[in-house]
Amino acid sequence: MALSQETIEIKTEFIRLDALLKFAAAVESGGVAKLLIQDGQIKVNGETCTQRGKKLRNGDTVTVDGNEYLVRGGGE
């Protein structure tokens, strides 16, 4: 299954996982993000992540529903 990849540019040192999902329009709301994360449906750098507040930095990848988001920028 081929993943589509989208780069998400951040201006801060990090972005929280739930915020990234909303910012990237991968979810409709923070509530949906919370449920997907709690249900283990989100992967960070290839591993299932259940931490809503997981800090994502430059180079991290997030996978949800066959879509991959690459975090770029921040803290330079």
N, C-alpha and C. Protein backbone atom coordinates (compact mmCIF):
# COMPACT_ATOMS: atom_id res chain seq x y z
N MET A 1 0.84 -1.19 0.00
CA MET A 1 0.00 0.00 0.00
C MET A 1 0.88 1.24 0.00
N ALA A 2 0.73 2.07 -0.99
CA ALA A 2 1.55 3.27 -1.10
C ALA A 2 0.98 4.37 -0.20
N LEU A 3 1.86 4.98 0.55
CA LEU A 3 1.46 6.10 1.39
C LEU A 3 1.61 7.40 0.62
N SER A 4 0.71 8.33 0.89
CA SER A 4 0.93 9.67 0.37
C SER A 4 1.66 10.42 1.48
N GLN A 5 2.61 11.25 1.09
CA GLN A 5 3.37 11.98 2.10
C GLN A 5 3.19 13.48 1.91
N GLU A 6 2.97 14.15 3.04
CA GLU A 6 2.82 15.60 3.03
C GLU A 6 3.79 16.16 4.05
N THR A 7 4.47 17.24 3.68
CA THR A 7 5.40 17.89 4.59
C THR A 7 4.66 18.97 5.37
N ILE A 8 4.84 18.97 6.68
CA ILE A 8 4.22 19.96 7.55
C ILE A 8 5.34 20.84 8.10
N GLU A 9 5.31 22.12 7.71
CA GLU A 9 6.33 23.07 8.17
C GLU A 9 5.90 23.65 9.51
N ILE A 10 6.82 23.61 10.48
CA ILE A 10 6.54 24.23 11.78
C ILE A 10 7.55 25.35 12.02
N LYS A 11 7.13 26.33 12.79
CA LYS A 11 8.00 27.48 13.10
C LYS A 11 8.54 27.39 14.52
N THR A 12 7.98 26.48 15.32
CA THR A 12 8.38 26.33 16.71
C THR A 12 9.32 25.14 16.85
N GLU A 13 9.89 24.95 18.03
CA GLU A 13 10.82 23.85 18.26
C GLU A 13 10.14 22.50 18.07
N PHE A 14 8.87 22.41 18.48
CA PHE A 14 8.12 21.16 18.35
C PHE A 14 6.65 21.47 18.18
N ILE A 15 5.88 20.43 17.80
CA ILE A 15 4.42 20.52 17.75
C ILE A 15 3.89 19.25 18.40
N ARG A 16 2.83 19.39 19.19
CA ARG A 16 2.24 18.22 19.83
C ARG A 16 1.49 17.39 18.79
N LEU A 17 1.44 16.09 19.03
CA LEU A 17 0.81 15.16 18.09
C LEU A 17 -0.62 15.55 17.77
N ASP A 18 -1.43 15.83 18.80
CA ASP A 18 -2.83 16.18 18.53
C ASP A 18 -2.94 17.48 17.72
N ALA A 19 -2.06 18.43 18.00
CA ALA A 19 -2.07 19.70 17.26
C ALA A 19 -1.65 19.49 15.81
N LEU A 20 -0.68 18.62 15.58
CA LEU A 20 -0.24 18.34 14.21
C LEU A 20 -1.38 17.73 13.40
N LEU A 21 -2.10 16.80 14.00
CA LEU A 21 -3.20 16.15 13.28
C LEU A 21 -4.26 17.17 12.86
N LYS A 22 -4.56 18.13 13.74
CA LYS A 22 -5.52 19.18 13.40
C LYS A 22 -4.94 20.13 12.36
N PHE A 23 -3.69 20.56 12.56
CA PHE A 23 -3.03 21.50 11.65
C PHE A 23 -2.94 20.93 10.24
N ALA A 24 -2.67 19.63 10.13
CA ALA A 24 -2.53 18.99 8.83
C ALA A 24 -3.87 18.62 8.21
N ALA A 25 -4.96 18.90 8.93
CA ALA A 25 -6.32 18.55 8.49
C ALA A 25 -6.48 17.04 8.32
N ALA A 26 -5.73 16.27 9.12
CA ALA A 26 -5.84 14.81 9.09
C ALA A 26 -7.07 14.36 9.88
N VAL A 27 -7.55 15.22 10.76
CA VAL A 27 -8.74 14.95 11.56
C VAL A 27 -9.63 16.18 11.55
N GLU A 28 -10.91 15.97 11.88
CA GLU A 28 -11.85 17.08 11.86
C GLU A 28 -11.77 17.93 13.11
N SER A 29 -11.35 17.33 14.24
CA SER A 29 -11.34 18.06 15.50
C SER A 29 -10.35 17.45 16.47
N GLY A 30 -10.11 18.17 17.55
CA GLY A 30 -9.23 17.65 18.59
C GLY A 30 -9.80 16.40 19.24
N GLY A 31 -11.13 16.32 19.32
CA GLY A 31 -11.77 15.14 19.89
C GLY A 31 -11.51 13.89 19.06
N VAL A 32 -11.57 14.05 17.74
CA VAL A 32 -11.30 12.93 16.84
C VAL A 32 -9.83 12.52 16.97
N ALA A 33 -8.95 13.51 17.05
CA ALA A 33 -7.52 13.22 17.22
C ALA A 33 -7.30 12.42 18.49
N LYS A 34 -7.93 12.85 19.57
CA LYS A 34 -7.79 12.16 20.86
C LYS A 34 -8.22 10.70 20.76
N LEU A 35 -9.35 10.46 20.13
CA LEU A 35 -9.86 9.09 20.00
C LEU A 35 -8.94 8.22 19.15
N LEU A 36 -8.47 8.75 18.02
CA LEU A 36 -7.57 7.97 17.16
C LEU A 36 -6.28 7.62 17.88
N ILE A 37 -5.75 8.59 18.63
CA ILE A 37 -4.51 8.37 19.37
C ILE A 37 -4.73 7.32 20.46
N GLN A 38 -5.81 7.47 21.23
CA GLN A 38 -6.11 6.52 22.31
C GLN A 38 -6.35 5.12 21.78
N ASP A 39 -6.93 5.02 20.58
CA ASP A 39 -7.22 3.72 19.98
C ASP A 39 -6.00 3.09 19.30
N GLY A 40 -4.86 3.77 19.34
CA GLY A 40 -3.64 3.21 18.76
C GLY A 40 -3.62 3.23 17.25
N GLN A 41 -4.34 4.17 16.65
CA GLN A 41 -4.42 4.22 15.19
C GLN A 41 -3.42 5.19 14.56
N ILE A 42 -2.56 5.78 15.39
CA ILE A 42 -1.57 6.74 14.91
C ILE A 42 -0.18 6.17 15.12
N LYS A 43 0.66 6.31 14.11
CA LYS A 43 2.05 5.87 14.26
C LYS A 43 2.98 7.07 14.16
N VAL A 44 3.97 7.11 15.04
CA VAL A 44 5.00 8.15 15.01
C VAL A 44 6.32 7.45 14.76
N ASN A 45 6.97 7.83 13.67
CA ASN A 45 8.24 7.20 13.27
C ASN A 45 8.10 5.68 13.20
N GLY A 46 6.95 5.22 12.69
CA GLY A 46 6.73 3.79 12.46
C GLY A 46 6.24 2.99 13.64
N GLU A 47 6.10 3.64 14.81
CA GLU A 47 5.64 2.93 16.00
C GLU A 47 4.33 3.52 16.50
N THR A 48 3.43 2.65 16.95
CA THR A 48 2.14 3.11 17.49
C THR A 48 2.39 4.06 18.66
N CYS A 49 1.68 5.18 18.66
CA CYS A 49 1.83 6.18 19.72
C CYS A 49 0.47 6.48 20.33
N THR A 50 0.38 6.39 21.65
CA THR A 50 -0.88 6.69 22.35
C THR A 50 -0.74 7.93 23.24
N GLN A 51 0.30 8.72 23.02
CA GLN A 51 0.52 9.95 23.79
C GLN A 51 0.04 11.16 23.00
N ARG A 52 -1.07 11.73 23.43
CA ARG A 52 -1.63 12.90 22.75
C ARG A 52 -0.65 14.06 22.69
N GLY A 53 0.10 14.25 23.78
CA GLY A 53 1.01 15.38 23.88
C GLY A 53 2.42 15.08 23.39
N LYS A 54 2.60 13.97 22.67
CA LYS A 54 3.92 13.61 22.14
C LYS A 54 4.49 14.78 21.36
N LYS A 55 5.71 15.17 21.69
CA LYS A 55 6.35 16.30 21.01
C LYS A 55 7.02 15.81 19.72
N LEU A 56 6.63 16.41 18.62
CA LEU A 56 7.19 16.06 17.31
C LEU A 56 8.14 17.15 16.88
N ARG A 57 9.30 16.73 16.39
CA ARG A 57 10.32 17.68 15.97
C ARG A 57 10.72 17.42 14.52
N ASN A 58 11.59 18.27 14.00
CA ASN A 58 12.08 18.17 12.64
C ASN A 58 12.49 16.73 12.31
N GLY A 59 11.96 16.17 11.24
CA GLY A 59 12.32 14.83 10.78
C GLY A 59 11.39 13.73 11.25
N ASP A 60 10.52 14.02 12.23
CA ASP A 60 9.57 13.00 12.69
C ASP A 60 8.49 12.77 11.63
N THR A 61 7.97 11.54 11.58
CA THR A 61 6.87 11.24 10.67
C THR A 61 5.68 10.74 11.47
N VAL A 62 4.49 11.07 11.00
CA VAL A 62 3.24 10.64 11.61
C VAL A 62 2.42 9.96 10.52
N THR A 63 1.91 8.78 10.81
CA THR A 63 1.10 8.05 9.84
C THR A 63 -0.31 7.86 10.39
N VAL A 64 -1.29 8.22 9.57
CA VAL A 64 -2.70 8.05 9.95
C VAL A 64 -3.50 7.76 8.67
N ASP A 65 -4.30 6.72 8.72
CA ASP A 65 -5.17 6.34 7.59
C ASP A 65 -4.43 6.30 6.25
N GLY A 66 -3.23 5.73 6.23
CA GLY A 66 -2.50 5.60 4.97
C GLY A 66 -1.82 6.86 4.49
N ASN A 67 -1.90 7.93 5.27
CA ASN A 67 -1.23 9.18 4.91
C ASN A 67 -0.08 9.41 5.88
N GLU A 68 1.03 9.89 5.33
CA GLU A 68 2.20 10.15 6.17
C GLU A 68 2.49 11.65 6.15
N TYR A 69 2.78 12.18 7.33
CA TYR A 69 3.08 13.60 7.48
C TYR A 69 4.50 13.72 8.02
N LEU A 70 5.32 14.49 7.32
CA LEU A 70 6.72 14.69 7.70
C LEU A 70 6.87 16.07 8.31
N VAL A 71 7.40 16.13 9.52
CA VAL A 71 7.59 17.40 10.21
C VAL A 71 8.91 18.02 9.77
N ARG A 72 8.87 19.28 9.34
CA ARG A 72 10.07 20.00 8.90
C ARG A 72 10.11 21.37 9.57
N GLY A 73 11.32 21.80 9.87
CA GLY A 73 11.53 23.15 10.41
C GLY A 73 11.65 23.14 11.91
N GLY A 74 11.48 24.32 12.47
CA GLY A 74 11.53 24.48 13.92
C GLY A 74 12.91 24.54 14.50
N GLY A 75 13.01 25.21 15.63
CA GLY A 75 14.18 25.25 16.48
C GLY A 75 15.54 25.42 15.84
N GLU A 76 15.64 26.18 14.79
CA GLU A 76 16.95 26.32 14.13
C GLU A 76 17.65 27.60 14.54
